[in-house]
Amino acid sequence: MEIKLTSFDQINIETPEQIALEFPLAGIGSRFLAFAIDTLIQGVLYIVGLFALFTTLTVAKISPRLVSWIPYAWAPAIAILFVFCIYWGYFALFEIFWNGQTPGKRMIGIRVIKDSGRPINAYEAIGRNLLRAVDGLPGMYIIGLVSMMISRRNQRLGDHLVGSIVVHEKRPEEIRPDWVPSDPSAQADSKLSAVTPEELVLIETYLQRRDSFGFEVRDQTARQIVSRITVRTGIERSPDESLDDFLERIARKVRDTARFH
């Protein structure tokens, strides 16, 4: 695997399959905005949770028979535990179950991934968020901001610890290929069932971004993808068919099978 930083805000990762993946890095501004949204949501959770606890304890004190399952003396411990879970668990749990995103990151359109291009796992999500306490020192997230400013990949300490980066993601409608779908009733070749969802996304991403590549990079990338699809499906490109036409035909037929949505 080879990683190249082509510009201050973009990273190219060459996978073991020799396919180049391009990720626009999320800057300090977009990450701060996502963090601000998440902090606001955390604040709402604090208020709602503590209000519910206060209400329950008040009822327990006035009418012990109605709420007899919670000792009033446990209130401080319960409140501290609740705040602890929200502060430490919010980011890690969302990034685990939402594939590297929190509500704030999803609204802004950014995502945490490994610097290899792979999704982060549970241990990495927990590890990077445990260091938020250090990144937040001595206040106003100073250490985290300094770390991102001096890092070429905009990484804070938690990112350095687990090898993660934060990237912008494109919405599905933004990576549609520049071709017109064929008749939905068209019958797909049975060999195309071997094409995986990841390979379809790879083809469509290339078709969308091909005009931004130089000639050599475009030709090399297209040949690599065509070779991979040919090996996978056994479908050969006809002599008078260009690389791009072949990939458009394959993607169109795969979509026509309605296997991927």
C-alpha atoms as a PDB file:
ATOM      1  CA  MET A   1       0.000   0.000   0.000  1.00  0.00           C
ATOM      2  CA  GLU A   2       1.309   3.444  -0.938  1.00  0.00           C
ATOM      3  CA  ILE A   3       0.039   6.744   0.462  1.00  0.00           C
ATOM      4  CA  LYS A   4       0.673  10.045  -1.290  1.00  0.00           C
ATOM      5  CA  LEU A   5      -0.326  13.517  -0.146  1.00  0.00           C
ATOM      6  CA  THR A   6      -0.909  15.268  -3.465  1.00  0.00           C
ATOM      7  CA  SER A   7      -1.889  18.575  -1.876  1.00  0.00           C
ATOM      8  CA  PHE A   8      -2.494  20.037   1.571  1.00  0.00           C
ATOM      9  CA  ASP A   9      -6.124  18.927   1.538  1.00  0.00           C
ATOM     10  CA  GLN A  10      -6.086  15.734  -0.485  1.00  0.00           C
ATOM     11  CA  ILE A  11      -4.606  12.278  -0.013  1.00  0.00           C
ATOM     12  CA  ASN A  12      -4.196   9.441  -2.507  1.00  0.00           C
ATOM     13  CA  ILE A  13      -3.983   5.855  -1.253  1.00  0.00           C
ATOM     14  CA  GLU A  14      -2.845   3.041  -3.523  1.00  0.00           C
ATOM     15  CA  THR A  15      -4.393  -0.221  -2.348  1.00  0.00           C
ATOM     16  CA  PRO A  16      -2.683  -3.634  -2.527  1.00  0.00           C
ATOM     17  CA  GLU A  17      -4.773  -4.194  -5.685  1.00  0.00           C
ATOM     18  CA  GLN A  18      -2.917  -1.183  -7.178  1.00  0.00           C
ATOM     19  CA  ILE A  19      -6.092   0.888  -7.330  1.00  0.00           C
ATOM     20  CA  ALA A  20      -5.684   4.554  -6.392  1.00  0.00           C
ATOM     21  CA  LEU A  21      -8.261   5.942  -3.960  1.00  0.00           C
ATOM     22  CA  GLU A  22      -8.592   9.703  -3.617  1.00  0.00           C
ATOM     23  CA  PHE A  23      -9.818  11.312  -0.395  1.00  0.00           C
ATOM     24  CA  PRO A  24     -10.262  15.052   0.241  1.00  0.00           C
ATOM     25  CA  LEU A  25      -9.076  15.678   3.791  1.00  0.00           C
ATOM     26  CA  ALA A  26     -11.417  17.464   6.198  1.00  0.00           C
ATOM     27  CA  GLY A  27      -9.940  20.741   7.375  1.00  0.00           C
ATOM     28  CA  ILE A  28     -10.026  22.369  10.785  1.00  0.00           C
ATOM     29  CA  GLY A  29     -13.107  24.416   9.882  1.00  0.00           C
ATOM     30  CA  SER A  30     -15.336  21.506   8.895  1.00  0.00           C
ATOM     31  CA  ARG A  31     -14.136  19.386  11.816  1.00  0.00           C
ATOM     32  CA  PHE A  32     -14.736  22.220  14.276  1.00  0.00           C
ATOM     33  CA  LEU A  33     -18.238  22.770  12.916  1.00  0.00           C
ATOM     34  CA  ALA A  34     -19.043  19.056  13.260  1.00  0.00           C
ATOM     35  CA  PHE A  35     -17.607  19.095  16.786  1.00  0.00           C
ATOM     36  CA  ALA A  36     -19.730  22.126  17.670  1.00  0.00           C
ATOM     37  CA  ILE A  37     -22.887  20.343  16.492  1.00  0.00           C
ATOM     38  CA  ASP A  38     -21.985  17.227  18.471  1.00  0.00           C
ATOM     39  CA  THR A  39     -21.240  19.314  21.564  1.00  0.00           C
ATOM     40  CA  LEU A  40     -24.631  20.977  21.235  1.00  0.00           C
ATOM     41  CA  ILE A  41     -26.303  17.563  21.015  1.00  0.00           C
ATOM     42  CA  GLN A  42     -24.348  16.409  24.052  1.00  0.00           C
ATOM     43  CA  GLY A  43     -25.553  19.471  25.930  1.00  0.00           C
ATOM     44  CA  VAL A  44     -29.162  18.613  25.085  1.00  0.00           C
ATOM     45  CA  LEU A  45     -28.575  15.044  26.284  1.00  0.00           C
ATOM     46  CA  TYR A  46     -27.078  16.347  29.545  1.00  0.00           C
ATOM     47  CA  ILE A  47     -30.072  18.600  30.167  1.00  0.00           C
ATOM     48  CA  VAL A  48     -32.696  15.970  29.282  1.00  0.00           C
ATOM     49  CA  GLY A  49     -30.990  13.183  31.237  1.00  0.00           C
ATOM     50  CA  LEU A  50     -30.295  15.206  34.356  1.00  0.00           C
ATOM     51  CA  PHE A  51     -33.794  16.683  34.297  1.00  0.00           C
ATOM     52  CA  ALA A  52     -35.239  13.180  34.098  1.00  0.00           C
ATOM     53  CA  LEU A  53     -33.039  12.073  36.989  1.00  0.00           C
ATOM     54  CA  PHE A  54     -33.953  15.122  39.065  1.00  0.00           C
ATOM     55  CA  THR A  55     -37.662  14.565  38.394  1.00  0.00           C
ATOM     56  CA  THR A  56     -37.414  10.897  39.328  1.00  0.00           C
ATOM     57  CA  LEU A  57     -35.556  11.658  42.555  1.00  0.00           C
ATOM     58  CA  THR A  58     -38.030  14.374  43.457  1.00  0.00           C
ATOM     59  CA  VAL A  59     -40.918  11.955  43.022  1.00  0.00           C
ATOM     60  CA  ALA A  60     -38.994   9.350  45.030  1.00  0.00           C
ATOM     61  CA  LYS A  61     -38.526  11.811  47.873  1.00  0.00           C
ATOM     62  CA  ILE A  62     -42.134  12.981  47.910  1.00  0.00           C
ATOM     63  CA  SER A  63     -43.732   9.583  47.323  1.00  0.00           C
ATOM     64  CA  PRO A  64     -41.259   6.816  48.103  1.00  0.00           C
ATOM     65  CA  ARG A  65     -43.852   4.152  47.278  1.00  0.00           C
ATOM     66  CA  LEU A  66     -44.106   5.320  43.658  1.00  0.00           C
ATOM     67  CA  VAL A  67     -40.362   5.150  43.015  1.00  0.00           C
ATOM     68  CA  SER A  68     -38.838   2.717  45.470  1.00  0.00           C
ATOM     69  CA  TRP A  69     -36.195   1.232  43.163  1.00  0.00           C
ATOM     70  CA  ILE A  70     -33.678   4.099  43.432  1.00  0.00           C
ATOM     71  CA  PRO A  71     -32.121   5.264  46.729  1.00  0.00           C
ATOM     72  CA  TYR A  72     -32.052   9.057  46.973  1.00  0.00           C
ATOM     73  CA  ALA A  73     -28.478   8.957  48.270  1.00  0.00           C
ATOM     74  CA  TRP A  74     -27.312   7.507  44.947  1.00  0.00           C
ATOM     75  CA  ALA A  75     -28.218  10.678  43.043  1.00  0.00           C
ATOM     76  CA  PRO A  76     -24.695  12.188  42.845  1.00  0.00           C
ATOM     77  CA  ALA A  77     -23.153   8.899  41.703  1.00  0.00           C
ATOM     78  CA  ILE A  78     -25.845   8.368  39.075  1.00  0.00           C
ATOM     79  CA  ALA A  79     -25.439  11.919  37.774  1.00  0.00           C
ATOM     80  CA  ILE A  80     -21.650  11.564  37.539  1.00  0.00           C
ATOM     81  CA  LEU A  81     -21.980   8.201  35.781  1.00  0.00           C
ATOM     82  CA  PHE A  82     -24.473   9.646  33.304  1.00  0.00           C
ATOM     83  CA  VAL A  83     -22.252  12.627  32.470  1.00  0.00           C
ATOM     84  CA  PHE A  84     -19.236  10.314  32.141  1.00  0.00           C
ATOM     85  CA  CYS A  85     -21.057   8.026  29.688  1.00  0.00           C
ATOM     86  CA  ILE A  86     -22.233  10.928  27.538  1.00  0.00           C
ATOM     87  CA  TYR A  87     -18.840  12.649  27.491  1.00  0.00           C
ATOM     88  CA  TRP A  88     -16.753   9.544  26.762  1.00  0.00           C
ATOM     89  CA  GLY A  89     -19.248   7.315  25.015  1.00  0.00           C
ATOM     90  CA  TYR A  90     -21.005   9.689  22.604  1.00  0.00           C
ATOM     91  CA  PHE A  91     -18.269   9.997  19.980  1.00  0.00           C
ATOM     92  CA  ALA A  92     -16.914   6.458  20.264  1.00  0.00           C
ATOM     93  CA  LEU A  93     -20.292   4.709  20.066  1.00  0.00           C
ATOM     94  CA  PHE A  94     -21.520   6.742  17.107  1.00  0.00           C
ATOM     95  CA  GLU A  95     -18.242   6.223  15.224  1.00  0.00           C
ATOM     96  CA  ILE A  96     -18.458   2.480  15.872  1.00  0.00           C
ATOM     97  CA  PHE A  97     -22.064   1.991  14.793  1.00  0.00           C
ATOM     98  CA  TRP A  98     -22.245   4.769  12.162  1.00  0.00           C
ATOM     99  CA  ASN A  99     -19.091   3.732  10.336  1.00  0.00           C
ATOM    100  CA  GLY A 100     -16.864   6.584  11.457  1.00  0.00           C
ATOM    101  CA  GLN A 101     -19.530   9.272  11.748  1.00  0.00           C
ATOM    102  CA  THR A 102     -21.289  11.145  14.534  1.00  0.00           C
ATOM    103  CA  PRO A 103     -24.456  13.214  13.978  1.00  0.00           C
ATOM    104  CA  GLY A 104     -22.279  16.306  13.557  1.00  0.00           C
ATOM    105  CA  LYS A 105     -19.941  14.614  11.085  1.00  0.00           C
ATOM    106  CA  ARG A 106     -22.880  13.235   9.112  1.00  0.00           C
ATOM    107  CA  MET A 107     -24.482  16.691   8.869  1.00  0.00           C
ATOM    108  CA  ILE A 108     -21.212  18.244   7.662  1.00  0.00           C
ATOM    109  CA  GLY A 109     -20.401  15.322   5.362  1.00  0.00           C
ATOM    110  CA  ILE A 110     -17.147  14.056   6.874  1.00  0.00           C
ATOM    111  CA  ARG A 111     -16.093  10.640   8.134  1.00  0.00           C
ATOM    112  CA  VAL A 112     -13.272   9.028  10.127  1.00  0.00           C
ATOM    113  CA  ILE A 113     -11.348   6.304   8.283  1.00  0.00           C
ATOM    114  CA  LYS A 114      -7.991   4.586   8.618  1.00  0.00           C
ATOM    115  CA  ASP A 115      -5.076   6.145   6.785  1.00  0.00           C
ATOM    116  CA  SER A 116      -5.142   2.993   4.643  1.00  0.00           C
ATOM    117  CA  GLY A 117      -8.621   3.874   3.389  1.00  0.00           C
ATOM    118  CA  ARG A 118     -10.304   1.182   5.482  1.00  0.00           C
ATOM    119  CA  PRO A 119     -13.104   1.851   8.012  1.00  0.00           C
ATOM    120  CA  ILE A 120     -12.026   2.203  11.639  1.00  0.00           C
ATOM    121  CA  ASN A 121     -12.906  -0.599  14.042  1.00  0.00           C
ATOM    122  CA  ALA A 122     -14.275  -0.399  17.577  1.00  0.00           C
ATOM    123  CA  TYR A 123     -10.868  -0.364  19.277  1.00  0.00           C
ATOM    124  CA  GLU A 124      -9.652   2.462  17.055  1.00  0.00           C
ATOM    125  CA  ALA A 125     -12.828   4.492  17.588  1.00  0.00           C
ATOM    126  CA  ILE A 126     -12.449   4.117  21.365  1.00  0.00           C
ATOM    127  CA  GLY A 127      -8.705   4.825  21.280  1.00  0.00           C
ATOM    128  CA  ARG A 128      -8.918   8.052  19.257  1.00  0.00           C
ATOM    129  CA  ASN A 129     -11.693   9.395  21.480  1.00  0.00           C
ATOM    130  CA  LEU A 130      -9.966   8.561  24.763  1.00  0.00           C
ATOM    131  CA  LEU A 131      -7.369  11.168  23.811  1.00  0.00           C
ATOM    132  CA  ARG A 132      -9.993  13.912  23.495  1.00  0.00           C
ATOM    133  CA  ALA A 133      -9.234  14.787  27.110  1.00  0.00           C
ATOM    134  CA  VAL A 134      -5.604  15.476  26.144  1.00  0.00           C
ATOM    135  CA  ASP A 135      -6.513  17.230  22.881  1.00  0.00           C
ATOM    136  CA  GLY A 136      -8.803  19.525  24.857  1.00  0.00           C
ATOM    137  CA  LEU A 137      -5.998  20.796  27.111  1.00  0.00           C
ATOM    138  CA  PRO A 138      -5.376  23.398  28.412  1.00  0.00           C
ATOM    139  CA  GLY A 139      -8.792  24.583  27.197  1.00  0.00           C
ATOM    140  CA  MET A 140     -10.598  25.472  23.972  1.00  0.00           C
ATOM    141  CA  TYR A 141      -9.105  22.349  22.347  1.00  0.00           C
ATOM    142  CA  ILE A 142      -5.714  24.070  22.029  1.00  0.00           C
ATOM    143  CA  ILE A 143      -3.550  20.937  21.828  1.00  0.00           C
ATOM    144  CA  GLY A 144      -5.862  19.344  19.284  1.00  0.00           C
ATOM    145  CA  LEU A 145      -5.873  22.492  17.126  1.00  0.00           C
ATOM    146  CA  VAL A 146      -2.086  22.813  17.234  1.00  0.00           C
ATOM    147  CA  SER A 147      -1.705  19.135  16.345  1.00  0.00           C
ATOM    148  CA  MET A 148      -3.989  19.513  13.329  1.00  0.00           C
ATOM    149  CA  MET A 149      -2.238  22.691  12.200  1.00  0.00           C
ATOM    150  CA  ILE A 150       1.216  21.075  12.139  1.00  0.00           C
ATOM    151  CA  SER A 151       0.015  17.758  10.708  1.00  0.00           C
ATOM    152  CA  ARG A 152      -0.011  17.384   6.915  1.00  0.00           C
ATOM    153  CA  ARG A 153      -3.099  15.176   7.257  1.00  0.00           C
ATOM    154  CA  ASN A 154      -4.917  17.423   9.747  1.00  0.00           C
ATOM    155  CA  GLN A 155      -4.595  14.788  12.476  1.00  0.00           C
ATOM    156  CA  ARG A 156      -5.087  15.459  16.163  1.00  0.00           C
ATOM    157  CA  LEU A 157      -3.349  13.331  18.815  1.00  0.00           C
ATOM    158  CA  GLY A 158      -6.152  10.763  18.841  1.00  0.00           C
ATOM    159  CA  ASP A 159      -5.764  10.323  15.088  1.00  0.00           C
ATOM    160  CA  HIS A 160      -2.010   9.859  15.394  1.00  0.00           C
ATOM    161  CA  LEU A 161      -2.559   7.213  18.085  1.00  0.00           C
ATOM    162  CA  VAL A 162      -4.686   4.872  15.934  1.00  0.00           C
ATOM    163  CA  GLY A 163      -3.623   5.994  12.459  1.00  0.00           C
ATOM    164  CA  SER A 164      -6.914   7.587  11.439  1.00  0.00           C
ATOM    165  CA  ILE A 165      -7.791  10.542   9.218  1.00  0.00           C
ATOM    166  CA  VAL A 166     -10.980  12.546   8.714  1.00  0.00           C
ATOM    167  CA  VAL A 167     -12.130  12.957   5.109  1.00  0.00           C
ATOM    168  CA  HIS A 168     -14.974  14.531   3.207  1.00  0.00           C
ATOM    169  CA  GLU A 169     -17.358  12.044   1.668  1.00  0.00           C
ATOM    170  CA  LYS A 170     -19.370  12.559  -1.472  1.00  0.00           C
ATOM    171  CA  ARG A 171     -23.061  11.865  -1.522  1.00  0.00           C
ATOM    172  CA  PRO A 172     -24.175   9.010  -3.791  1.00  0.00           C
ATOM    173  CA  GLU A 173     -25.746  11.395  -6.297  1.00  0.00           C
ATOM    174  CA  GLU A 174     -22.425  13.205  -6.618  1.00  0.00           C
ATOM    175  CA  ILE A 175     -20.501  10.139  -7.761  1.00  0.00           C
ATOM    176  CA  ARG A 176     -22.839   8.925 -10.435  1.00  0.00           C
ATOM    177  CA  PRO A 177     -21.047   8.233 -13.711  1.00  0.00           C
ATOM    178  CA  ASP A 178     -21.537  10.522 -16.698  1.00  0.00           C
ATOM    179  CA  TRP A 179     -23.635   8.149 -18.748  1.00  0.00           C
ATOM    180  CA  VAL A 180     -27.332   7.614 -19.326  1.00  0.00           C
ATOM    181  CA  PRO A 181     -28.782   4.363 -17.868  1.00  0.00           C
ATOM    182  CA  SER A 182     -30.192   1.925 -20.361  1.00  0.00           C
ATOM    183  CA  ASP A 183     -33.703   0.539 -20.456  1.00  0.00           C
ATOM    184  CA  PRO A 184     -34.500  -0.821 -16.952  1.00  0.00           C
ATOM    185  CA  SER A 185     -35.926  -3.967 -18.549  1.00  0.00           C
ATOM    186  CA  ALA A 186     -32.565  -4.930 -20.045  1.00  0.00           C
ATOM    187  CA  GLN A 187     -31.346  -8.359 -19.027  1.00  0.00           C
ATOM    188  CA  ALA A 188     -27.896  -8.459 -17.419  1.00  0.00           C
ATOM    189  CA  ASP A 189     -25.280 -11.043 -18.237  1.00  0.00           C
ATOM    190  CA  SER A 190     -25.234 -13.794 -15.595  1.00  0.00           C
ATOM    191  CA  LYS A 191     -21.465 -13.408 -15.320  1.00  0.00           C
ATOM    192  CA  LEU A 192     -21.944  -9.941 -13.857  1.00  0.00           C
ATOM    193  CA  SER A 193     -23.229 -11.449 -10.607  1.00  0.00           C
ATOM    194  CA  ALA A 194     -19.567 -11.831  -9.673  1.00  0.00           C
ATOM    195  CA  VAL A 195     -19.117  -8.048  -9.512  1.00  0.00           C
ATOM    196  CA  THR A 196     -19.101  -6.934  -5.875  1.00  0.00           C
ATOM    197  CA  PRO A 197     -20.695  -3.709  -4.539  1.00  0.00           C
ATOM    198  CA  GLU A 198     -17.207  -2.354  -3.818  1.00  0.00           C
ATOM    199  CA  GLU A 199     -16.134  -2.922  -7.419  1.00  0.00           C
ATOM    200  CA  LEU A 200     -19.245  -1.198  -8.717  1.00  0.00           C
ATOM    201  CA  VAL A 201     -18.509   1.833  -6.524  1.00  0.00           C
ATOM    202  CA  LEU A 202     -14.910   1.754  -7.792  1.00  0.00           C
ATOM    203  CA  ILE A 203     -16.084   1.816 -11.434  1.00  0.00           C
ATOM    204  CA  GLU A 204     -18.610   4.586 -10.875  1.00  0.00           C
ATOM    205  CA  THR A 205     -16.147   6.685  -8.888  1.00  0.00           C
ATOM    206  CA  TYR A 206     -13.617   6.416 -11.704  1.00  0.00           C
ATOM    207  CA  LEU A 207     -16.218   7.325 -14.343  1.00  0.00           C
ATOM    208  CA  GLN A 208     -17.231  10.377 -12.334  1.00  0.00           C
ATOM    209  CA  ARG A 209     -13.699  11.620 -11.721  1.00  0.00           C
ATOM    210  CA  ARG A 210     -11.954  10.566 -14.941  1.00  0.00           C
ATOM    211  CA  ASP A 211     -11.988  14.049 -16.455  1.00  0.00           C
ATOM    212  CA  SER A 212      -9.896  15.353 -13.551  1.00  0.00           C
ATOM    213  CA  PHE A 213      -7.103  12.804 -14.194  1.00  0.00           C
ATOM    214  CA  GLY A 214      -4.110  13.326 -16.420  1.00  0.00           C
ATOM    215  CA  PHE A 215      -3.973  11.137 -19.553  1.00  0.00           C
ATOM    216  CA  GLU A 216      -1.445   8.652 -18.176  1.00  0.00           C
ATOM    217  CA  VAL A 217      -3.151   8.331 -14.786  1.00  0.00           C
ATOM    218  CA  ARG A 218      -6.565   7.964 -16.422  1.00  0.00           C
ATOM    219  CA  ASP A 219      -5.368   5.315 -18.863  1.00  0.00           C
ATOM    220  CA  GLN A 220      -3.489   3.354 -16.194  1.00  0.00           C
ATOM    221  CA  THR A 221      -6.387   3.477 -13.733  1.00  0.00           C
ATOM    222  CA  ALA A 222      -8.914   2.403 -16.362  1.00  0.00           C
ATOM    223  CA  ARG A 223      -6.714  -0.519 -17.473  1.00  0.00           C
ATOM    224  CA  GLN A 224      -6.305  -1.706 -13.885  1.00  0.00           C
ATOM    225  CA  ILE A 225     -10.046  -1.659 -13.276  1.00  0.00           C
ATOM    226  CA  VAL A 226     -10.828  -3.327 -16.615  1.00  0.00           C
ATOM    227  CA  SER A 227      -8.276  -6.057 -15.892  1.00  0.00           C
ATOM    228  CA  ARG A 228      -9.787  -6.638 -12.465  1.00  0.00           C
ATOM    229  CA  ILE A 229     -13.344  -6.875 -13.863  1.00  0.00           C
ATOM    230  CA  THR A 230     -12.232  -9.186 -16.689  1.00  0.00           C
ATOM    231  CA  VAL A 231     -10.560 -11.553 -14.243  1.00  0.00           C
ATOM    232  CA  ARG A 232     -13.581 -11.416 -11.964  1.00  0.00           C
ATOM    233  CA  THR A 233     -16.271 -11.980 -14.628  1.00  0.00           C
ATOM    234  CA  GLY A 234     -14.499 -13.454 -17.652  1.00  0.00           C
ATOM    235  CA  ILE A 235     -16.052 -10.744 -19.863  1.00  0.00           C
ATOM    236  CA  GLU A 236     -13.608  -9.472 -22.467  1.00  0.00           C
ATOM    237  CA  ARG A 237     -13.482  -5.997 -23.953  1.00  0.00           C
ATOM    238  CA  SER A 238     -14.211  -5.978 -27.680  1.00  0.00           C
ATOM    239  CA  PRO A 239     -11.394  -4.694 -29.956  1.00  0.00           C
ATOM    240  CA  ASP A 240     -13.337  -1.603 -31.044  1.00  0.00           C
ATOM    241  CA  GLU A 241     -14.491  -0.752 -27.518  1.00  0.00           C
ATOM    242  CA  SER A 242     -12.620   1.841 -25.438  1.00  0.00           C
ATOM    243  CA  LEU A 243     -11.727   1.255 -21.817  1.00  0.00           C
ATOM    244  CA  ASP A 244     -14.291   3.812 -20.633  1.00  0.00           C
ATOM    245  CA  ASP A 245     -17.025   2.365 -22.877  1.00  0.00           C
ATOM    246  CA  PHE A 246     -16.360  -1.084 -21.446  1.00  0.00           C
ATOM    247  CA  LEU A 247     -16.603   0.156 -17.859  1.00  0.00           C
ATOM    248  CA  GLU A 248     -19.780   2.114 -18.632  1.00  0.00           C
ATOM    249  CA  ARG A 249     -21.316  -0.996 -20.171  1.00  0.00           C
ATOM    250  CA  ILE A 250     -20.400  -3.165 -17.182  1.00  0.00           C
ATOM    251  CA  ALA A 251     -21.686  -0.638 -14.621  1.00  0.00           C
ATOM    252  CA  ARG A 252     -24.904  -0.108 -16.574  1.00  0.00           C
ATOM    253  CA  LYS A 253     -25.631  -3.819 -16.800  1.00  0.00           C
ATOM    254  CA  VAL A 254     -24.853  -4.397 -13.131  1.00  0.00           C
ATOM    255  CA  ARG A 255     -27.219  -1.591 -12.177  1.00  0.00           C
ATOM    256  CA  ASP A 256     -29.859  -3.098 -14.462  1.00  0.00           C
ATOM    257  CA  THR A 257     -29.808  -6.276 -12.380  1.00  0.00           C
ATOM    258  CA  ALA A 258     -31.160  -4.178  -9.448  1.00  0.00           C
ATOM    259  CA  ARG A 259     -28.815  -5.986  -7.081  1.00  0.00           C
ATOM    260  CA  PHE A 260     -27.319  -2.746  -5.755  1.00  0.00           C
ATOM    261  CA  HIS A 261     -29.260   0.318  -4.586  1.00  0.00           C
END
